[in-house]
């Protein structure tokens, strides 16, 4: 069962994953002009899952877009060589076509997907919704920012965002 994090507290992490993330700040309303900015610290290269809860469900499809900026501090002691995000409408089950979640799947390429630390991204949209940032790195104790929209056209009160930094093979 996932737990919800507050600023300065560990993020939602299933028991099979390490307790490795801390939410440091949250601001913004989730619009294009005022994205939600999530400041976090990842103390391990292990994947973590963030639980996202809606205060209220959107009333129409144009409101089903959440603009998000994740600013992650690499506290793992290892450089990150790519970074994966995965949407899940059910915990530990990758999102699929029928659940309405995606990383702006309609627009290819999306002008709203970027990172200050990785030059490119790749969307893996079926049978799951994944967004992998490539061609860059984040040294230990440095930050990386990731900007992307999450579209949710079958609104859910709760969904999950897996975050998985990759480290070099030893």
C-alpha atoms as a PDB file:
ATOM      1  CA  UNK A   1       0.000   0.000   0.000  1.00  0.00           C
ATOM      2  CA  UNK A   2       1.436   3.396  -0.952  1.00  0.00           C
ATOM      3  CA  UNK A   3       1.806   6.257   1.482  1.00  0.00           C
ATOM      4  CA  UNK A   4       1.348   9.934   0.721  1.00  0.00           C
ATOM      5  CA  UNK A   5       4.200  12.371   1.310  1.00  0.00           C
ATOM      6  CA  UNK A   6       4.207  15.899   2.625  1.00  0.00           C
ATOM      7  CA  UNK A   7       7.030  18.405   2.091  1.00  0.00           C
ATOM      8  CA  UNK A   8      10.065  17.117   3.992  1.00  0.00           C
ATOM      9  CA  UNK A   9       8.579  13.630   4.355  1.00  0.00           C
ATOM     10  CA  UNK A  10       9.292  10.473   2.349  1.00  0.00           C
ATOM     11  CA  UNK A  11       7.315  10.088  -0.879  1.00  0.00           C
ATOM     12  CA  UNK A  12       4.969   7.221  -1.601  1.00  0.00           C
ATOM     13  CA  UNK A  13       7.056   4.087  -1.955  1.00  0.00           C
ATOM     14  CA  UNK A  14       5.740   0.530  -2.175  1.00  0.00           C
ATOM     15  CA  UNK A  15       7.393  -1.952   0.170  1.00  0.00           C
ATOM     16  CA  UNK A  16       9.425  -3.551  -2.649  1.00  0.00           C
ATOM     17  CA  UNK A  17      11.216  -0.244  -3.249  1.00  0.00           C
ATOM     18  CA  UNK A  18      13.611   1.582  -0.961  1.00  0.00           C
ATOM     19  CA  UNK A  19      12.645   4.604   1.110  1.00  0.00           C
ATOM     20  CA  UNK A  20      14.635   6.929  -1.115  1.00  0.00           C
ATOM     21  CA  UNK A  21      12.713  10.120  -1.908  1.00  0.00           C
ATOM     22  CA  UNK A  22      11.774  13.255  -0.038  1.00  0.00           C
ATOM     23  CA  UNK A  23       9.337  15.909  -1.210  1.00  0.00           C
ATOM     24  CA  UNK A  24      11.004  19.267  -0.485  1.00  0.00           C
ATOM     25  CA  UNK A  25       8.481  21.667  -2.040  1.00  0.00           C
ATOM     26  CA  UNK A  26       5.271  21.838  -4.055  1.00  0.00           C
ATOM     27  CA  UNK A  27       3.838  24.933  -5.734  1.00  0.00           C
ATOM     28  CA  UNK A  28       1.685  25.914  -8.711  1.00  0.00           C
ATOM     29  CA  UNK A  29      -1.821  25.187  -9.911  1.00  0.00           C
ATOM     30  CA  UNK A  30      -1.039  22.770 -12.783  1.00  0.00           C
ATOM     31  CA  UNK A  31      -1.846  25.060 -15.702  1.00  0.00           C
ATOM     32  CA  UNK A  32       0.475  25.800 -18.619  1.00  0.00           C
ATOM     33  CA  UNK A  33       1.107  29.289 -17.191  1.00  0.00           C
ATOM     34  CA  UNK A  34       1.509  28.005 -13.605  1.00  0.00           C
ATOM     35  CA  UNK A  35       2.735  24.383 -13.656  1.00  0.00           C
ATOM     36  CA  UNK A  36       2.950  22.353 -10.493  1.00  0.00           C
ATOM     37  CA  UNK A  37       6.595  22.475  -9.467  1.00  0.00           C
ATOM     38  CA  UNK A  38       7.615  19.478  -7.401  1.00  0.00           C
ATOM     39  CA  UNK A  39      10.968  19.767  -5.642  1.00  0.00           C
ATOM     40  CA  UNK A  40      12.291  16.415  -4.493  1.00  0.00           C
ATOM     41  CA  UNK A  41      15.455  14.692  -3.355  1.00  0.00           C
ATOM     42  CA  UNK A  42      16.235  11.129  -4.443  1.00  0.00           C
ATOM     43  CA  UNK A  43      18.669   9.453  -2.053  1.00  0.00           C
ATOM     44  CA  UNK A  44      18.949   6.223  -4.038  1.00  0.00           C
ATOM     45  CA  UNK A  45      18.972   5.173  -7.698  1.00  0.00           C
ATOM     46  CA  UNK A  46      16.038   2.855  -6.914  1.00  0.00           C
ATOM     47  CA  UNK A  47      12.654   3.585  -8.521  1.00  0.00           C
ATOM     48  CA  UNK A  48      10.033   5.417  -6.473  1.00  0.00           C
ATOM     49  CA  UNK A  49       6.320   5.970  -6.982  1.00  0.00           C
ATOM     50  CA  UNK A  50       4.607   9.273  -6.336  1.00  0.00           C
ATOM     51  CA  UNK A  51       0.889   9.185  -5.505  1.00  0.00           C
ATOM     52  CA  UNK A  52      -1.029  12.027  -7.164  1.00  0.00           C
ATOM     53  CA  UNK A  53      -4.409  12.862  -5.655  1.00  0.00           C
ATOM     54  CA  UNK A  54      -6.923  15.238  -7.287  1.00  0.00           C
ATOM     55  CA  UNK A  55      -8.707  17.662  -4.966  1.00  0.00           C
ATOM     56  CA  UNK A  56     -11.564  17.751  -7.464  1.00  0.00           C
ATOM     57  CA  UNK A  57     -12.086  16.096 -10.801  1.00  0.00           C
ATOM     58  CA  UNK A  58     -12.097  18.228 -13.956  1.00  0.00           C
ATOM     59  CA  UNK A  59     -15.500  19.142 -15.325  1.00  0.00           C
ATOM     60  CA  UNK A  60     -14.537  18.928 -19.031  1.00  0.00           C
ATOM     61  CA  UNK A  61     -11.845  17.404 -21.253  1.00  0.00           C
ATOM     62  CA  UNK A  62      -9.868  20.639 -21.646  1.00  0.00           C
ATOM     63  CA  UNK A  63      -9.297  20.616 -17.885  1.00  0.00           C
ATOM     64  CA  UNK A  64      -7.849  17.087 -18.032  1.00  0.00           C
ATOM     65  CA  UNK A  65      -4.259  18.327 -18.497  1.00  0.00           C
ATOM     66  CA  UNK A  66      -1.830  18.729 -15.617  1.00  0.00           C
ATOM     67  CA  UNK A  67       1.396  20.597 -16.388  1.00  0.00           C
ATOM     68  CA  UNK A  68       4.184  19.360 -14.148  1.00  0.00           C
ATOM     69  CA  UNK A  69       7.792  20.338 -13.514  1.00  0.00           C
ATOM     70  CA  UNK A  70       9.801  17.855 -11.434  1.00  0.00           C
ATOM     71  CA  UNK A  71      13.023  19.282  -9.996  1.00  0.00           C
ATOM     72  CA  UNK A  72      14.986  16.334  -8.633  1.00  0.00           C
ATOM     73  CA  UNK A  73      18.161  16.541  -6.556  1.00  0.00           C
ATOM     74  CA  UNK A  74      20.439  13.562  -7.147  1.00  0.00           C
ATOM     75  CA  UNK A  75      21.379  12.484  -3.640  1.00  0.00           C
ATOM     76  CA  UNK A  76      22.106   8.898  -4.688  1.00  0.00           C
ATOM     77  CA  UNK A  77      25.895   9.138  -4.865  1.00  0.00           C
ATOM     78  CA  UNK A  78      25.773   7.913  -8.487  1.00  0.00           C
ATOM     79  CA  UNK A  79      25.401   9.871 -11.743  1.00  0.00           C
ATOM     80  CA  UNK A  80      22.112   9.465 -13.565  1.00  0.00           C
ATOM     81  CA  UNK A  81      22.506   8.655 -17.270  1.00  0.00           C
ATOM     82  CA  UNK A  82      18.813   8.640 -18.146  1.00  0.00           C
ATOM     83  CA  UNK A  83      15.541   9.119 -16.295  1.00  0.00           C
ATOM     84  CA  UNK A  84      12.245   7.285 -16.769  1.00  0.00           C
ATOM     85  CA  UNK A  85       8.730   8.340 -15.773  1.00  0.00           C
ATOM     86  CA  UNK A  86       5.808   5.905 -16.015  1.00  0.00           C
ATOM     87  CA  UNK A  87       2.114   6.597 -15.442  1.00  0.00           C
ATOM     88  CA  UNK A  88       0.006   4.088 -13.535  1.00  0.00           C
ATOM     89  CA  UNK A  89      -3.740   4.293 -12.922  1.00  0.00           C
ATOM     90  CA  UNK A  90      -3.482   1.209 -10.694  1.00  0.00           C
ATOM     91  CA  UNK A  91      -0.476   0.924  -8.386  1.00  0.00           C
ATOM     92  CA  UNK A  92       2.296  -1.255  -9.857  1.00  0.00           C
ATOM     93  CA  UNK A  93       0.391  -1.710 -13.155  1.00  0.00           C
ATOM     94  CA  UNK A  94       1.554   0.392 -16.121  1.00  0.00           C
ATOM     95  CA  UNK A  95      -1.065   2.665 -17.639  1.00  0.00           C
ATOM     96  CA  UNK A  96      -2.633   1.407 -20.861  1.00  0.00           C
ATOM     97  CA  UNK A  97      -4.605   2.943 -23.719  1.00  0.00           C
ATOM     98  CA  UNK A  98      -7.997   2.533 -22.070  1.00  0.00           C
ATOM     99  CA  UNK A  99      -7.311   4.421 -18.824  1.00  0.00           C
ATOM    100  CA  UNK A 100      -7.038   7.910 -20.393  1.00  0.00           C
ATOM    101  CA  UNK A 101      -3.634   8.760 -18.869  1.00  0.00           C
ATOM    102  CA  UNK A 102      -0.720   9.809 -21.074  1.00  0.00           C
ATOM    103  CA  UNK A 103       2.248  12.137 -21.459  1.00  0.00           C
ATOM    104  CA  UNK A 104       0.509  14.359 -24.058  1.00  0.00           C
ATOM    105  CA  UNK A 105       0.161  11.425 -26.460  1.00  0.00           C
ATOM    106  CA  UNK A 106      -1.887  13.522 -28.902  1.00  0.00           C
ATOM    107  CA  UNK A 107       0.980  15.878 -29.791  1.00  0.00           C
ATOM    108  CA  UNK A 108       4.011  14.271 -31.431  1.00  0.00           C
ATOM    109  CA  UNK A 109       6.444  15.759 -30.727  1.00  0.00           C
ATOM    110  CA  UNK A 110       5.165  17.679 -27.742  1.00  0.00           C
ATOM    111  CA  UNK A 111       6.407  21.223 -27.289  1.00  0.00           C
ATOM    112  CA  UNK A 112       5.782  20.845 -23.554  1.00  0.00           C
ATOM    113  CA  UNK A 113       8.214  17.982 -22.850  1.00  0.00           C
ATOM    114  CA  UNK A 114      11.781  18.977 -21.967  1.00  0.00           C
ATOM    115  CA  UNK A 115      14.632  18.705 -19.480  1.00  0.00           C
ATOM    116  CA  UNK A 116      17.520  20.976 -18.602  1.00  0.00           C
ATOM    117  CA  UNK A 117      19.835  17.957 -18.202  1.00  0.00           C
ATOM    118  CA  UNK A 118      18.836  15.597 -21.028  1.00  0.00           C
ATOM    119  CA  UNK A 119      18.829  16.535 -24.716  1.00  0.00           C
ATOM    120  CA  UNK A 120      16.129  14.159 -25.943  1.00  0.00           C
ATOM    121  CA  UNK A 121      13.173  12.156 -24.778  1.00  0.00           C
ATOM    122  CA  UNK A 122      11.367   9.059 -25.993  1.00  0.00           C
ATOM    123  CA  UNK A 123       7.727   8.260 -25.324  1.00  0.00           C
ATOM    124  CA  UNK A 124       6.720   4.621 -25.093  1.00  0.00           C
ATOM    125  CA  UNK A 125       2.968   4.856 -25.428  1.00  0.00           C
ATOM    126  CA  UNK A 126       1.591   1.354 -25.825  1.00  0.00           C
ATOM    127  CA  UNK A 127       1.090  -0.974 -24.040  1.00  0.00           C
ATOM    128  CA  UNK A 128       2.083   1.522 -21.292  1.00  0.00           C
ATOM    129  CA  UNK A 129       2.747   5.237 -20.868  1.00  0.00           C
ATOM    130  CA  UNK A 130       6.440   5.902 -20.304  1.00  0.00           C
ATOM    131  CA  UNK A 131       8.599   8.946 -20.856  1.00  0.00           C
ATOM    132  CA  UNK A 132      12.380   8.411 -20.895  1.00  0.00           C
ATOM    133  CA  UNK A 133      14.837  11.320 -20.923  1.00  0.00           C
ATOM    134  CA  UNK A 134      18.111  10.499 -22.743  1.00  0.00           C
ATOM    135  CA  UNK A 135      21.431  11.960 -23.918  1.00  0.00           C
ATOM    136  CA  UNK A 136      22.542  13.690 -20.757  1.00  0.00           C
ATOM    137  CA  UNK A 137      23.500  13.081 -17.174  1.00  0.00           C
ATOM    138  CA  UNK A 138      23.031  14.419 -13.662  1.00  0.00           C
ATOM    139  CA  UNK A 139      26.007  14.284 -11.313  1.00  0.00           C
ATOM    140  CA  UNK A 140      25.538  13.507  -7.616  1.00  0.00           C
ATOM    141  CA  UNK A 141      24.328  16.531  -5.608  1.00  0.00           C
ATOM    142  CA  UNK A 142      23.119  18.282  -8.777  1.00  0.00           C
ATOM    143  CA  UNK A 143      19.537  18.941  -9.832  1.00  0.00           C
ATOM    144  CA  UNK A 144      17.643  18.080 -12.988  1.00  0.00           C
ATOM    145  CA  UNK A 145      14.365  19.647 -14.103  1.00  0.00           C
ATOM    146  CA  UNK A 146      11.804  17.735 -16.146  1.00  0.00           C
ATOM    147  CA  UNK A 147       8.793  19.448 -17.731  1.00  0.00           C
ATOM    148  CA  UNK A 148       5.844  17.502 -19.100  1.00  0.00           C
ATOM    149  CA  UNK A 149       2.063  17.459 -19.228  1.00  0.00           C
ATOM    150  CA  UNK A 150      -0.023  14.583 -17.979  1.00  0.00           C
ATOM    151  CA  UNK A 151      -3.313  14.195 -19.782  1.00  0.00           C
ATOM    152  CA  UNK A 152      -6.123  12.450 -17.949  1.00  0.00           C
ATOM    153  CA  UNK A 153      -9.233  12.289 -20.108  1.00  0.00           C
ATOM    154  CA  UNK A 154     -10.938   9.671 -17.925  1.00  0.00           C
ATOM    155  CA  UNK A 155     -10.359  11.584 -14.675  1.00  0.00           C
ATOM    156  CA  UNK A 156      -9.261   9.656 -11.645  1.00  0.00           C
ATOM    157  CA  UNK A 157      -9.021  10.845  -8.049  1.00  0.00           C
ATOM    158  CA  UNK A 158      -5.710   8.983  -7.630  1.00  0.00           C
ATOM    159  CA  UNK A 159      -3.005   7.937 -10.059  1.00  0.00           C
ATOM    160  CA  UNK A 160       0.700   7.162  -9.754  1.00  0.00           C
ATOM    161  CA  UNK A 161       3.935   8.423 -11.284  1.00  0.00           C
ATOM    162  CA  UNK A 162       6.872   6.023 -11.199  1.00  0.00           C
ATOM    163  CA  UNK A 163      10.296   7.720 -11.355  1.00  0.00           C
ATOM    164  CA  UNK A 164      13.345   5.629 -12.181  1.00  0.00           C
ATOM    165  CA  UNK A 165      16.794   7.210 -12.577  1.00  0.00           C
ATOM    166  CA  UNK A 166      19.329   4.985 -14.360  1.00  0.00           C
ATOM    167  CA  UNK A 167      22.955   4.790 -13.269  1.00  0.00           C
ATOM    168  CA  UNK A 168      25.942   3.598 -15.332  1.00  0.00           C
ATOM    169  CA  UNK A 169      26.496  -0.150 -15.438  1.00  0.00           C
ATOM    170  CA  UNK A 170      29.380  -1.279 -13.258  1.00  0.00           C
END
